């Protein structure tokens, strides 16, 4: 069995106590920044080829690079045979199907609404932890998640359009368009819940292998699933367009959003648990909104400022640690 203190894991997160608050907050903001900037990179990839193909290139490359890195550092990348089914499920839910569903939702609703739905992963994570692990989230964690999601909703509530030409909830009156919006919301909800299930599966995986090795295999499986999805839906795996914007965005999505962002996120799950780690999904759309104001002319208002304040207050509620009754670390079971 490969444990979480193997050299491969320690090289990325060296000698940091599991529950060190400053280290956990650093990991959180690494995820927030890496994923926040990724929304603009993703926007540059939507359109030239089917989304399944872009997702396949991103995660096949990320998985292979991680496997090569672990082979070089440790001399082996093997994991217990019984773990491969969980790794495949983790890859499908965390690195493939969730992205396919979320990308597809933007054909029916604007990306801002999709971001609001995706922020619900923090609440879905708490629900999954209760349903599968019988871990009841504390009232403080639930309140913090609700405050954060409410703040994010406040940011987008008055926006009539957020690009992509999709219909908005605020202006739709025709029954046919409302039907399309419902499809988009269902796709976004399905993608978000798929992501939250991936969090639960990843917590199982990380109990038996280190973060980097497990992520390498899961990303490879996710990329393989995306290839199969592309062939099934379009008859082929489309070649990437030979443009600077596509390859620059793909490079960032591989290195920044996948290798740095996801590894930090999964390490955060290992240290703090699924419910708290998933709160990054509430914070990173704020970075995406800042990018929008810089690159796409988004106008900040008093409502936007109030939304940011609510999100930050929610973060304080979620990440403020209460003393343990029995003195045990919350992550001791991991």
C-alpha atoms as a PDB file:
ATOM      1  CA  UNK A   1       0.000   0.000   0.000  1.00  0.00           C
ATOM      2  CA  UNK A   2       1.232   3.522  -0.817  1.00  0.00           C
ATOM      3  CA  UNK A   3       0.602   5.987   1.979  1.00  0.00           C
ATOM      4  CA  UNK A   4       0.034   9.731   1.843  1.00  0.00           C
ATOM      5  CA  UNK A   5       3.513  10.411   3.263  1.00  0.00           C
ATOM      6  CA  UNK A   6       5.360   8.936   0.300  1.00  0.00           C
ATOM      7  CA  UNK A   7       8.170  11.013  -1.270  1.00  0.00           C
ATOM      8  CA  UNK A   8       5.953  11.826  -4.234  1.00  0.00           C
ATOM      9  CA  UNK A   9       3.443  13.574  -2.011  1.00  0.00           C
ATOM     10  CA  UNK A  10       6.005  15.163   0.273  1.00  0.00           C
ATOM     11  CA  UNK A  11       7.840  16.780  -2.612  1.00  0.00           C
ATOM     12  CA  UNK A  12       4.820  18.945  -3.432  1.00  0.00           C
ATOM     13  CA  UNK A  13       3.637  19.565   0.151  1.00  0.00           C
ATOM     14  CA  UNK A  14       6.846  19.253   2.233  1.00  0.00           C
ATOM     15  CA  UNK A  15       6.738  18.899   6.017  1.00  0.00           C
ATOM     16  CA  UNK A  16       3.482  20.787   6.607  1.00  0.00           C
ATOM     17  CA  UNK A  17       1.259  19.640   9.481  1.00  0.00           C
ATOM     18  CA  UNK A  18      -2.030  18.258   8.178  1.00  0.00           C
ATOM     19  CA  UNK A  19      -4.245  20.735  10.001  1.00  0.00           C
ATOM     20  CA  UNK A  20      -1.956  23.800   9.958  1.00  0.00           C
ATOM     21  CA  UNK A  21      -4.436  26.667   9.403  1.00  0.00           C
ATOM     22  CA  UNK A  22      -2.065  28.896   7.396  1.00  0.00           C
ATOM     23  CA  UNK A  23      -1.105  26.043   5.071  1.00  0.00           C
ATOM     24  CA  UNK A  24      -4.751  25.132   4.531  1.00  0.00           C
ATOM     25  CA  UNK A  25      -5.669  28.734   3.683  1.00  0.00           C
ATOM     26  CA  UNK A  26      -2.697  28.914   1.288  1.00  0.00           C
ATOM     27  CA  UNK A  27      -3.953  25.795  -0.466  1.00  0.00           C
ATOM     28  CA  UNK A  28      -7.460  27.263  -0.622  1.00  0.00           C
ATOM     29  CA  UNK A  29      -6.334  30.456  -2.312  1.00  0.00           C
ATOM     30  CA  UNK A  30      -4.057  28.531  -4.676  1.00  0.00           C
ATOM     31  CA  UNK A  31      -7.142  26.645  -5.841  1.00  0.00           C
ATOM     32  CA  UNK A  32      -9.232  29.817  -6.026  1.00  0.00           C
ATOM     33  CA  UNK A  33      -6.686  31.634  -8.197  1.00  0.00           C
ATOM     34  CA  UNK A  34      -5.840  28.645 -10.400  1.00  0.00           C
ATOM     35  CA  UNK A  35      -9.481  27.845 -11.116  1.00  0.00           C
ATOM     36  CA  UNK A  36     -10.619  31.477 -11.209  1.00  0.00           C
ATOM     37  CA  UNK A  37      -8.277  32.294 -14.094  1.00  0.00           C
ATOM     38  CA  UNK A  38      -9.209  29.044 -15.835  1.00  0.00           C
ATOM     39  CA  UNK A  39     -12.675  30.315 -16.826  1.00  0.00           C
ATOM     40  CA  UNK A  40     -11.180  32.729 -19.356  1.00  0.00           C
ATOM     41  CA  UNK A  41      -8.911  29.971 -20.703  1.00  0.00           C
ATOM     42  CA  UNK A  42     -11.908  27.656 -21.036  1.00  0.00           C
ATOM     43  CA  UNK A  43     -13.822  30.344 -22.935  1.00  0.00           C
ATOM     44  CA  UNK A  44     -10.981  30.457 -25.481  1.00  0.00           C
ATOM     45  CA  UNK A  45     -11.378  26.716 -26.071  1.00  0.00           C
ATOM     46  CA  UNK A  46     -15.143  26.528 -26.530  1.00  0.00           C
ATOM     47  CA  UNK A  47     -16.143  26.428 -30.191  1.00  0.00           C
ATOM     48  CA  UNK A  48     -13.204  25.367 -32.389  1.00  0.00           C
ATOM     49  CA  UNK A  49     -13.636  21.649 -31.579  1.00  0.00           C
ATOM     50  CA  UNK A  50     -16.142  19.646 -29.481  1.00  0.00           C
ATOM     51  CA  UNK A  51     -15.718  20.111 -25.744  1.00  0.00           C
ATOM     52  CA  UNK A  52     -15.112  16.384 -25.243  1.00  0.00           C
ATOM     53  CA  UNK A  53     -11.976  16.629 -27.385  1.00  0.00           C
ATOM     54  CA  UNK A  54     -10.611  19.640 -25.513  1.00  0.00           C
ATOM     55  CA  UNK A  55     -11.268  17.935 -22.174  1.00  0.00           C
ATOM     56  CA  UNK A  56      -9.535  14.786 -23.469  1.00  0.00           C
ATOM     57  CA  UNK A  57      -6.384  16.683 -24.506  1.00  0.00           C
ATOM     58  CA  UNK A  58      -6.278  18.532 -21.196  1.00  0.00           C
ATOM     59  CA  UNK A  59      -6.538  15.533 -18.894  1.00  0.00           C
ATOM     60  CA  UNK A  60      -4.646  12.955 -20.946  1.00  0.00           C
ATOM     61  CA  UNK A  61      -1.708  15.373 -21.019  1.00  0.00           C
ATOM     62  CA  UNK A  62      -2.063  16.179 -17.299  1.00  0.00           C
ATOM     63  CA  UNK A  63      -2.312  12.501 -16.317  1.00  0.00           C
ATOM     64  CA  UNK A  64       0.644  11.394 -18.441  1.00  0.00           C
ATOM     65  CA  UNK A  65       2.834  14.225 -17.124  1.00  0.00           C
ATOM     66  CA  UNK A  66       2.025  13.302 -13.534  1.00  0.00           C
ATOM     67  CA  UNK A  67       2.651   9.597 -14.140  1.00  0.00           C
ATOM     68  CA  UNK A  68       6.024  10.418 -15.715  1.00  0.00           C
ATOM     69  CA  UNK A  69       6.902  12.712 -12.819  1.00  0.00           C
ATOM     70  CA  UNK A  70       6.046  10.067 -10.210  1.00  0.00           C
ATOM     71  CA  UNK A  71       7.948   7.388 -12.146  1.00  0.00           C
ATOM     72  CA  UNK A  72      11.003   9.642 -12.191  1.00  0.00           C
ATOM     73  CA  UNK A  73      10.766  10.588  -8.495  1.00  0.00           C
ATOM     74  CA  UNK A  74       9.712   7.205  -7.064  1.00  0.00           C
ATOM     75  CA  UNK A  75      10.673   4.725  -9.742  1.00  0.00           C
ATOM     76  CA  UNK A  76       7.147   3.311  -9.836  1.00  0.00           C
ATOM     77  CA  UNK A  77       3.535   4.445 -10.279  1.00  0.00           C
ATOM     78  CA  UNK A  78       1.724   1.275  -9.215  1.00  0.00           C
ATOM     79  CA  UNK A  79      -1.326   1.408  -6.966  1.00  0.00           C
ATOM     80  CA  UNK A  80      -3.241  -1.505  -5.403  1.00  0.00           C
ATOM     81  CA  UNK A  81      -5.204  -3.378  -8.080  1.00  0.00           C
ATOM     82  CA  UNK A  82      -8.500  -2.995  -6.243  1.00  0.00           C
ATOM     83  CA  UNK A  83      -8.081   0.799  -6.348  1.00  0.00           C
ATOM     84  CA  UNK A  84      -8.317   1.141 -10.128  1.00  0.00           C
ATOM     85  CA  UNK A  85     -12.117   0.990 -10.195  1.00  0.00           C
ATOM     86  CA  UNK A  86     -12.296   3.882  -7.724  1.00  0.00           C
ATOM     87  CA  UNK A  87      -9.630   5.746  -9.698  1.00  0.00           C
ATOM     88  CA  UNK A  88     -11.669   5.297 -12.889  1.00  0.00           C
ATOM     89  CA  UNK A  89     -14.826   6.565 -11.144  1.00  0.00           C
ATOM     90  CA  UNK A  90     -12.862   9.489  -9.733  1.00  0.00           C
ATOM     91  CA  UNK A  91     -11.585  10.292 -13.226  1.00  0.00           C
ATOM     92  CA  UNK A  92     -15.040  10.202 -14.803  1.00  0.00           C
ATOM     93  CA  UNK A  93     -16.744  12.282 -12.109  1.00  0.00           C
ATOM     94  CA  UNK A  94     -13.961  14.775 -11.353  1.00  0.00           C
ATOM     95  CA  UNK A  95     -12.049  15.124 -14.623  1.00  0.00           C
ATOM     96  CA  UNK A  96     -14.450  14.352 -17.451  1.00  0.00           C
ATOM     97  CA  UNK A  97     -18.230  13.948 -17.221  1.00  0.00           C
ATOM     98  CA  UNK A  98     -18.661  16.927 -14.898  1.00  0.00           C
ATOM     99  CA  UNK A  99     -16.881  19.201 -17.383  1.00  0.00           C
ATOM    100  CA  UNK A 100     -18.824  17.813 -20.336  1.00  0.00           C
ATOM    101  CA  UNK A 101     -22.121  18.559 -18.570  1.00  0.00           C
ATOM    102  CA  UNK A 102     -21.074  22.034 -17.390  1.00  0.00           C
ATOM    103  CA  UNK A 103     -19.730  23.055 -20.800  1.00  0.00           C
ATOM    104  CA  UNK A 104     -22.901  21.773 -22.449  1.00  0.00           C
ATOM    105  CA  UNK A 105     -25.086  23.811 -20.082  1.00  0.00           C
ATOM    106  CA  UNK A 106     -23.657  27.040 -21.506  1.00  0.00           C
ATOM    107  CA  UNK A 107     -25.483  26.323 -24.772  1.00  0.00           C
ATOM    108  CA  UNK A 108     -28.742  26.991 -22.898  1.00  0.00           C
ATOM    109  CA  UNK A 109     -27.875  29.381 -20.047  1.00  0.00           C
ATOM    110  CA  UNK A 110     -25.244  32.052 -19.586  1.00  0.00           C
ATOM    111  CA  UNK A 111     -21.963  31.123 -17.900  1.00  0.00           C
ATOM    112  CA  UNK A 112     -22.696  33.333 -14.888  1.00  0.00           C
ATOM    113  CA  UNK A 113     -25.769  31.279 -14.014  1.00  0.00           C
ATOM    114  CA  UNK A 114     -23.715  28.109 -14.472  1.00  0.00           C
ATOM    115  CA  UNK A 115     -21.147  29.498 -12.028  1.00  0.00           C
ATOM    116  CA  UNK A 116     -23.853  30.151  -9.449  1.00  0.00           C
ATOM    117  CA  UNK A 117     -25.131  26.578  -9.813  1.00  0.00           C
ATOM    118  CA  UNK A 118     -21.593  25.190  -9.584  1.00  0.00           C
ATOM    119  CA  UNK A 119     -21.024  27.108  -6.352  1.00  0.00           C
ATOM    120  CA  UNK A 120     -23.636  24.793  -4.846  1.00  0.00           C
ATOM    121  CA  UNK A 121     -20.954  22.069  -4.759  1.00  0.00           C
ATOM    122  CA  UNK A 122     -20.098  23.213  -1.237  1.00  0.00           C
ATOM    123  CA  UNK A 123     -23.629  22.367  -0.094  1.00  0.00           C
ATOM    124  CA  UNK A 124     -23.763  19.178  -2.150  1.00  0.00           C
ATOM    125  CA  UNK A 125     -20.470  18.110  -0.577  1.00  0.00           C
ATOM    126  CA  UNK A 126     -21.907  18.500   2.906  1.00  0.00           C
ATOM    127  CA  UNK A 127     -25.001  16.533   1.838  1.00  0.00           C
ATOM    128  CA  UNK A 128     -22.864  13.745   0.350  1.00  0.00           C
ATOM    129  CA  UNK A 129     -20.716  13.537   3.476  1.00  0.00           C
ATOM    130  CA  UNK A 130     -23.869  13.098   5.534  1.00  0.00           C
ATOM    131  CA  UNK A 131     -25.441  10.597   3.108  1.00  0.00           C
ATOM    132  CA  UNK A 132     -22.395   8.401   2.444  1.00  0.00           C
ATOM    133  CA  UNK A 133     -20.231   8.893   5.555  1.00  0.00           C
ATOM    134  CA  UNK A 134     -22.866   9.827   8.126  1.00  0.00           C
ATOM    135  CA  UNK A 135     -20.845  12.963   8.887  1.00  0.00           C
ATOM    136  CA  UNK A 136     -23.244  15.680   9.951  1.00  0.00           C
ATOM    137  CA  UNK A 137     -21.987  19.124   8.926  1.00  0.00           C
ATOM    138  CA  UNK A 138     -21.886  21.624  11.757  1.00  0.00           C
ATOM    139  CA  UNK A 139     -24.403  24.494  11.728  1.00  0.00           C
ATOM    140  CA  UNK A 140     -21.482  26.885  11.233  1.00  0.00           C
ATOM    141  CA  UNK A 141     -20.312  25.087   8.060  1.00  0.00           C
ATOM    142  CA  UNK A 142     -23.851  25.022   6.652  1.00  0.00           C
ATOM    143  CA  UNK A 143     -24.423  28.675   7.501  1.00  0.00           C
ATOM    144  CA  UNK A 144     -21.114  29.668   5.936  1.00  0.00           C
ATOM    145  CA  UNK A 145     -21.876  27.785   2.728  1.00  0.00           C
ATOM    146  CA  UNK A 146     -25.346  29.322   2.519  1.00  0.00           C
ATOM    147  CA  UNK A 147     -24.019  32.837   3.102  1.00  0.00           C
ATOM    148  CA  UNK A 148     -21.332  32.316   0.451  1.00  0.00           C
ATOM    149  CA  UNK A 149     -23.715  30.957  -2.164  1.00  0.00           C
ATOM    150  CA  UNK A 150     -26.156  33.789  -1.409  1.00  0.00           C
ATOM    151  CA  UNK A 151     -23.366  36.309  -1.956  1.00  0.00           C
ATOM    152  CA  UNK A 152     -22.439  34.772  -5.277  1.00  0.00           C
ATOM    153  CA  UNK A 153     -26.078  34.744  -6.352  1.00  0.00           C
ATOM    154  CA  UNK A 154     -26.229  38.441  -5.445  1.00  0.00           C
ATOM    155  CA  UNK A 155     -23.344  39.120  -7.830  1.00  0.00           C
ATOM    156  CA  UNK A 156     -25.206  37.705 -10.805  1.00  0.00           C
ATOM    157  CA  UNK A 157     -28.842  38.354  -9.915  1.00  0.00           C
ATOM    158  CA  UNK A 158     -29.129  41.651 -11.796  1.00  0.00           C
ATOM    159  CA  UNK A 159     -27.021  40.704 -14.808  1.00  0.00           C
ATOM    160  CA  UNK A 160     -29.038  40.489 -18.019  1.00  0.00           C
ATOM    161  CA  UNK A 161     -26.255  38.897 -20.051  1.00  0.00           C
ATOM    162  CA  UNK A 162     -22.916  37.275 -19.334  1.00  0.00           C
ATOM    163  CA  UNK A 163     -21.713  36.469 -22.816  1.00  0.00           C
ATOM    164  CA  UNK A 164     -22.169  33.484 -25.061  1.00  0.00           C
ATOM    165  CA  UNK A 165     -25.502  34.712 -26.360  1.00  0.00           C
ATOM    166  CA  UNK A 166     -27.485  32.351 -24.171  1.00  0.00           C
ATOM    167  CA  UNK A 167     -30.874  33.222 -22.660  1.00  0.00           C
ATOM    168  CA  UNK A 168     -31.048  34.747 -19.193  1.00  0.00           C
ATOM    169  CA  UNK A 169     -33.406  33.914 -16.358  1.00  0.00           C
ATOM    170  CA  UNK A 170     -34.247  37.580 -15.812  1.00  0.00           C
ATOM    171  CA  UNK A 171     -35.563  38.304 -19.302  1.00  0.00           C
ATOM    172  CA  UNK A 172     -37.008  35.010 -20.559  1.00  0.00           C
ATOM    173  CA  UNK A 173     -40.792  35.135 -21.031  1.00  0.00           C
ATOM    174  CA  UNK A 174     -41.388  32.774 -23.932  1.00  0.00           C
ATOM    175  CA  UNK A 175     -42.301  29.235 -22.867  1.00  0.00           C
ATOM    176  CA  UNK A 176     -39.963  27.599 -25.393  1.00  0.00           C
ATOM    177  CA  UNK A 177     -36.959  29.580 -24.163  1.00  0.00           C
ATOM    178  CA  UNK A 178     -37.839  28.836 -20.569  1.00  0.00           C
ATOM    179  CA  UNK A 179     -37.783  25.168 -21.510  1.00  0.00           C
ATOM    180  CA  UNK A 180     -34.255  25.558 -22.886  1.00  0.00           C
ATOM    181  CA  UNK A 181     -33.236  27.349 -19.698  1.00  0.00           C
ATOM    182  CA  UNK A 182     -34.580  24.449 -17.654  1.00  0.00           C
ATOM    183  CA  UNK A 183     -32.436  22.047 -19.693  1.00  0.00           C
ATOM    184  CA  UNK A 184     -29.391  24.230 -19.056  1.00  0.00           C
ATOM    185  CA  UNK A 185     -30.039  24.348 -15.330  1.00  0.00           C
ATOM    186  CA  UNK A 186     -30.484  20.578 -15.186  1.00  0.00           C
ATOM    187  CA  UNK A 187     -27.196  20.059 -17.052  1.00  0.00           C
ATOM    188  CA  UNK A 188     -25.391  22.467 -14.712  1.00  0.00           C
ATOM    189  CA  UNK A 189     -26.891  20.800 -11.639  1.00  0.00           C
ATOM    190  CA  UNK A 190     -25.932  17.362 -12.964  1.00  0.00           C
ATOM    191  CA  UNK A 191     -22.369  18.504 -13.648  1.00  0.00           C
ATOM    192  CA  UNK A 192     -22.072  20.072 -10.209  1.00  0.00           C
ATOM    193  CA  UNK A 193     -23.411  16.999  -8.439  1.00  0.00           C
ATOM    194  CA  UNK A 194     -21.081  14.823 -10.520  1.00  0.00           C
ATOM    195  CA  UNK A 195     -18.192  16.969  -9.266  1.00  0.00           C
ATOM    196  CA  UNK A 196     -19.392  16.621  -5.661  1.00  0.00           C
ATOM    197  CA  UNK A 197     -19.550  12.822  -6.051  1.00  0.00           C
ATOM    198  CA  UNK A 198     -15.990  12.952  -7.354  1.00  0.00           C
ATOM    199  CA  UNK A 199     -14.968  14.662  -4.129  1.00  0.00           C
ATOM    200  CA  UNK A 200     -16.398  11.790  -2.074  1.00  0.00           C
ATOM    201  CA  UNK A 201     -14.677   9.206  -4.283  1.00  0.00           C
ATOM    202  CA  UNK A 202     -11.375  11.078  -4.071  1.00  0.00           C
ATOM    203  CA  UNK A 203     -11.507  10.963  -0.267  1.00  0.00           C
ATOM    204  CA  UNK A 204     -11.741   7.155  -0.543  1.00  0.00           C
ATOM    205  CA  UNK A 205      -8.832   7.047  -2.992  1.00  0.00           C
ATOM    206  CA  UNK A 206      -6.576   9.263  -0.881  1.00  0.00           C
ATOM    207  CA  UNK A 207      -6.926   6.887   2.037  1.00  0.00           C
ATOM    208  CA  UNK A 208      -4.924   4.313   0.018  1.00  0.00           C
ATOM    209  CA  UNK A 209      -2.498   6.302  -2.120  1.00  0.00           C
ATOM    210  CA  UNK A 210      -0.784   9.675  -2.202  1.00  0.00           C
ATOM    211  CA  UNK A 211      -2.392  12.713  -3.798  1.00  0.00           C
ATOM    212  CA  UNK A 212      -0.155  12.928  -6.859  1.00  0.00           C
ATOM    213  CA  UNK A 213      -0.182   9.253  -7.839  1.00  0.00           C
ATOM    214  CA  UNK A 214      -3.937   8.964  -7.346  1.00  0.00           C
ATOM    215  CA  UNK A 215      -4.567  12.144  -9.306  1.00  0.00           C
ATOM    216  CA  UNK A 216      -2.287  10.995 -12.142  1.00  0.00           C
ATOM    217  CA  UNK A 217      -4.249   7.784 -12.643  1.00  0.00           C
ATOM    218  CA  UNK A 218      -7.639   9.482 -12.229  1.00  0.00           C
ATOM    219  CA  UNK A 219      -6.808  12.210 -14.756  1.00  0.00           C
ATOM    220  CA  UNK A 220      -5.650   9.574 -17.228  1.00  0.00           C
ATOM    221  CA  UNK A 221      -8.899   7.646 -16.803  1.00  0.00           C
ATOM    222  CA  UNK A 222     -10.890  10.872 -17.138  1.00  0.00           C
ATOM    223  CA  UNK A 223      -9.068  11.782 -20.348  1.00  0.00           C
ATOM    224  CA  UNK A 224      -9.725   8.294 -21.734  1.00  0.00           C
ATOM    225  CA  UNK A 225     -13.437   8.636 -20.944  1.00  0.00           C
ATOM    226  CA  UNK A 226     -13.513  12.012 -22.729  1.00  0.00           C
ATOM    227  CA  UNK A 227     -11.933  10.400 -25.814  1.00  0.00           C
ATOM    228  CA  UNK A 228     -14.596   7.697 -25.809  1.00  0.00           C
ATOM    229  CA  UNK A 229     -17.315  10.336 -25.341  1.00  0.00           C
ATOM    230  CA  UNK A 230     -15.951  12.360 -28.255  1.00  0.00           C
ATOM    231  CA  UNK A 231     -15.890   9.323 -30.555  1.00  0.00           C
ATOM    232  CA  UNK A 232     -19.371   8.238 -29.436  1.00  0.00           C
ATOM    233  CA  UNK A 233     -20.916  11.694 -29.920  1.00  0.00           C
ATOM    234  CA  UNK A 234     -19.008  12.944 -32.981  1.00  0.00           C
ATOM    235  CA  UNK A 235     -17.524   9.854 -34.628  1.00  0.00           C
ATOM    236  CA  UNK A 236     -13.947  11.001 -34.127  1.00  0.00           C
ATOM    237  CA  UNK A 237     -11.493  12.798 -31.853  1.00  0.00           C
ATOM    238  CA  UNK A 238     -11.065  16.189 -33.501  1.00  0.00           C
ATOM    239  CA  UNK A 239      -7.553  17.557 -33.898  1.00  0.00           C
ATOM    240  CA  UNK A 240      -6.838  20.803 -31.994  1.00  0.00           C
ATOM    241  CA  UNK A 241      -6.855  23.995 -34.058  1.00  0.00           C
ATOM    242  CA  UNK A 242      -3.420  25.407 -34.827  1.00  0.00           C
ATOM    243  CA  UNK A 243      -3.977  28.763 -33.131  1.00  0.00           C
ATOM    244  CA  UNK A 244      -1.965  30.542 -30.447  1.00  0.00           C
ATOM    245  CA  UNK A 245      -5.029  31.266 -28.289  1.00  0.00           C
ATOM    246  CA  UNK A 246      -6.095  27.605 -28.215  1.00  0.00           C
ATOM    247  CA  UNK A 247      -2.669  26.230 -27.317  1.00  0.00           C
ATOM    248  CA  UNK A 248      -1.965  28.985 -24.785  1.00  0.00           C
ATOM    249  CA  UNK A 249      -5.267  28.312 -23.047  1.00  0.00           C
ATOM    250  CA  UNK A 250      -4.666  24.547 -23.194  1.00  0.00           C
ATOM    251  CA  UNK A 251      -1.222  25.008 -21.627  1.00  0.00           C
ATOM    252  CA  UNK A 252      -2.711  27.005 -18.754  1.00  0.00           C
ATOM    253  CA  UNK A 253      -5.518  24.499 -18.220  1.00  0.00           C
ATOM    254  CA  UNK A 254      -2.986  21.659 -18.056  1.00  0.00           C
ATOM    255  CA  UNK A 255      -0.376  23.315 -15.831  1.00  0.00           C
ATOM    256  CA  UNK A 256      -2.312  25.933 -13.862  1.00  0.00           C
ATOM    257  CA  UNK A 257      -5.849  24.602 -13.519  1.00  0.00           C
ATOM    258  CA  UNK A 258      -5.107  20.846 -13.545  1.00  0.00           C
ATOM    259  CA  UNK A 259      -1.616  20.160 -12.197  1.00  0.00           C
ATOM    260  CA  UNK A 260      -1.513  23.025  -9.685  1.00  0.00           C
ATOM    261  CA  UNK A 261      -5.218  23.647  -9.067  1.00  0.00           C
ATOM    262  CA  UNK A 262      -6.513  20.091  -8.767  1.00  0.00           C
ATOM    263  CA  UNK A 263      -3.504  18.787  -6.828  1.00  0.00           C
ATOM    264  CA  UNK A 264      -3.914  21.614  -4.317  1.00  0.00           C
ATOM    265  CA  UNK A 265      -7.660  20.982  -4.138  1.00  0.00           C
ATOM    266  CA  UNK A 266      -7.262  17.248  -3.506  1.00  0.00           C
ATOM    267  CA  UNK A 267      -4.588  17.919  -0.877  1.00  0.00           C
ATOM    268  CA  UNK A 268      -7.039  20.333   0.744  1.00  0.00           C
ATOM    269  CA  UNK A 269      -9.651  17.547   0.789  1.00  0.00           C
ATOM    270  CA  UNK A 270      -7.136  15.244   2.491  1.00  0.00           C
ATOM    271  CA  UNK A 271      -6.355  17.854   5.155  1.00  0.00           C
ATOM    272  CA  UNK A 272      -9.691  19.517   5.861  1.00  0.00           C
ATOM    273  CA  UNK A 273     -12.403  17.222   4.503  1.00  0.00           C
ATOM    274  CA  UNK A 274     -14.744  17.408   1.528  1.00  0.00           C
ATOM    275  CA  UNK A 275     -17.173  20.032   2.864  1.00  0.00           C
ATOM    276  CA  UNK A 276     -14.562  22.689   3.595  1.00  0.00           C
ATOM    277  CA  UNK A 277     -12.465  22.032   0.496  1.00  0.00           C
ATOM    278  CA  UNK A 278     -15.536  22.360  -1.738  1.00  0.00           C
ATOM    279  CA  UNK A 279     -15.958  25.942  -0.526  1.00  0.00           C
ATOM    280  CA  UNK A 280     -13.297  26.858  -3.086  1.00  0.00           C
ATOM    281  CA  UNK A 281     -16.073  26.443  -5.649  1.00  0.00           C
ATOM    282  CA  UNK A 282     -17.845  29.398  -4.032  1.00  0.00           C
ATOM    283  CA  UNK A 283     -14.768  31.628  -4.036  1.00  0.00           C
ATOM    284  CA  UNK A 284     -13.164  31.039  -7.425  1.00  0.00           C
ATOM    285  CA  UNK A 285     -16.042  32.547  -9.486  1.00  0.00           C
ATOM    286  CA  UNK A 286     -15.184  35.846  -7.791  1.00  0.00           C
ATOM    287  CA  UNK A 287     -11.764  35.716  -9.476  1.00  0.00           C
ATOM    288  CA  UNK A 288     -13.480  34.845 -12.747  1.00  0.00           C
ATOM    289  CA  UNK A 289     -15.682  37.906 -12.314  1.00  0.00           C
ATOM    290  CA  UNK A 290     -12.614  40.090 -11.731  1.00  0.00           C
ATOM    291  CA  UNK A 291     -11.123  38.730 -14.951  1.00  0.00           C
ATOM    292  CA  UNK A 292     -14.388  39.562 -16.675  1.00  0.00           C
ATOM    293  CA  UNK A 293     -14.231  43.166 -15.471  1.00  0.00           C
ATOM    294  CA  UNK A 294     -10.676  43.455 -16.795  1.00  0.00           C
ATOM    295  CA  UNK A 295     -11.010  41.639 -20.103  1.00  0.00           C
ATOM    296  CA  UNK A 296     -14.722  41.883 -20.870  1.00  0.00           C
ATOM    297  CA  UNK A 297     -15.748  45.227 -19.348  1.00  0.00           C
ATOM    298  CA  UNK A 298     -17.830  43.955 -16.426  1.00  0.00           C
ATOM    299  CA  UNK A 299     -19.115  46.931 -14.387  1.00  0.00           C
ATOM    300  CA  UNK A 300     -18.834  46.684 -10.585  1.00  0.00           C
ATOM    301  CA  UNK A 301     -21.794  47.961  -8.569  1.00  0.00           C
ATOM    302  CA  UNK A 302     -22.798  48.272  -4.926  1.00  0.00           C
ATOM    303  CA  UNK A 303     -24.592  44.953  -5.344  1.00  0.00           C
ATOM    304  CA  UNK A 304     -21.330  43.368  -6.507  1.00  0.00           C
ATOM    305  CA  UNK A 305     -19.464  44.714  -3.487  1.00  0.00           C
ATOM    306  CA  UNK A 306     -22.145  43.383  -1.124  1.00  0.00           C
ATOM    307  CA  UNK A 307     -21.919  40.002  -2.830  1.00  0.00           C
ATOM    308  CA  UNK A 308     -18.139  39.882  -2.331  1.00  0.00           C
ATOM    309  CA  UNK A 309     -18.565  40.804   1.344  1.00  0.00           C
ATOM    310  CA  UNK A 310     -21.097  38.007   1.846  1.00  0.00           C
ATOM    311  CA  UNK A 311     -18.787  35.462   0.225  1.00  0.00           C
ATOM    312  CA  UNK A 312     -15.836  36.473   2.415  1.00  0.00           C
ATOM    313  CA  UNK A 313     -18.003  36.332   5.541  1.00  0.00           C
ATOM    314  CA  UNK A 314     -19.103  32.858   4.509  1.00  0.00           C
ATOM    315  CA  UNK A 315     -15.458  31.810   4.115  1.00  0.00           C
ATOM    316  CA  UNK A 316     -14.699  32.967   7.659  1.00  0.00           C
ATOM    317  CA  UNK A 317     -17.623  30.933   8.992  1.00  0.00           C
ATOM    318  CA  UNK A 318     -16.599  27.782   7.140  1.00  0.00           C
ATOM    319  CA  UNK A 319     -12.880  27.888   7.872  1.00  0.00           C
ATOM    320  CA  UNK A 320     -12.981  29.107  11.480  1.00  0.00           C
ATOM    321  CA  UNK A 321     -12.092  26.008  13.477  1.00  0.00           C
ATOM    322  CA  UNK A 322     -14.044  25.124  16.583  1.00  0.00           C
ATOM    323  CA  UNK A 323     -12.223  23.187  19.354  1.00  0.00           C
ATOM    324  CA  UNK A 324     -12.662  19.408  19.011  1.00  0.00           C
ATOM    325  CA  UNK A 325     -14.610  17.759  21.813  1.00  0.00           C
ATOM    326  CA  UNK A 326     -12.306  14.765  22.044  1.00  0.00           C
ATOM    327  CA  UNK A 327      -9.138  16.447  20.873  1.00  0.00           C
ATOM    328  CA  UNK A 328      -8.937  14.338  17.729  1.00  0.00           C
ATOM    329  CA  UNK A 329      -8.027  15.850  14.413  1.00  0.00           C
ATOM    330  CA  UNK A 330     -10.950  16.042  11.988  1.00  0.00           C
ATOM    331  CA  UNK A 331      -8.744  14.421   9.376  1.00  0.00           C
ATOM    332  CA  UNK A 332      -7.512  11.587  11.563  1.00  0.00           C
ATOM    333  CA  UNK A 333      -9.735   9.122   9.756  1.00  0.00           C
ATOM    334  CA  UNK A 334      -8.265   9.966   6.371  1.00  0.00           C
END
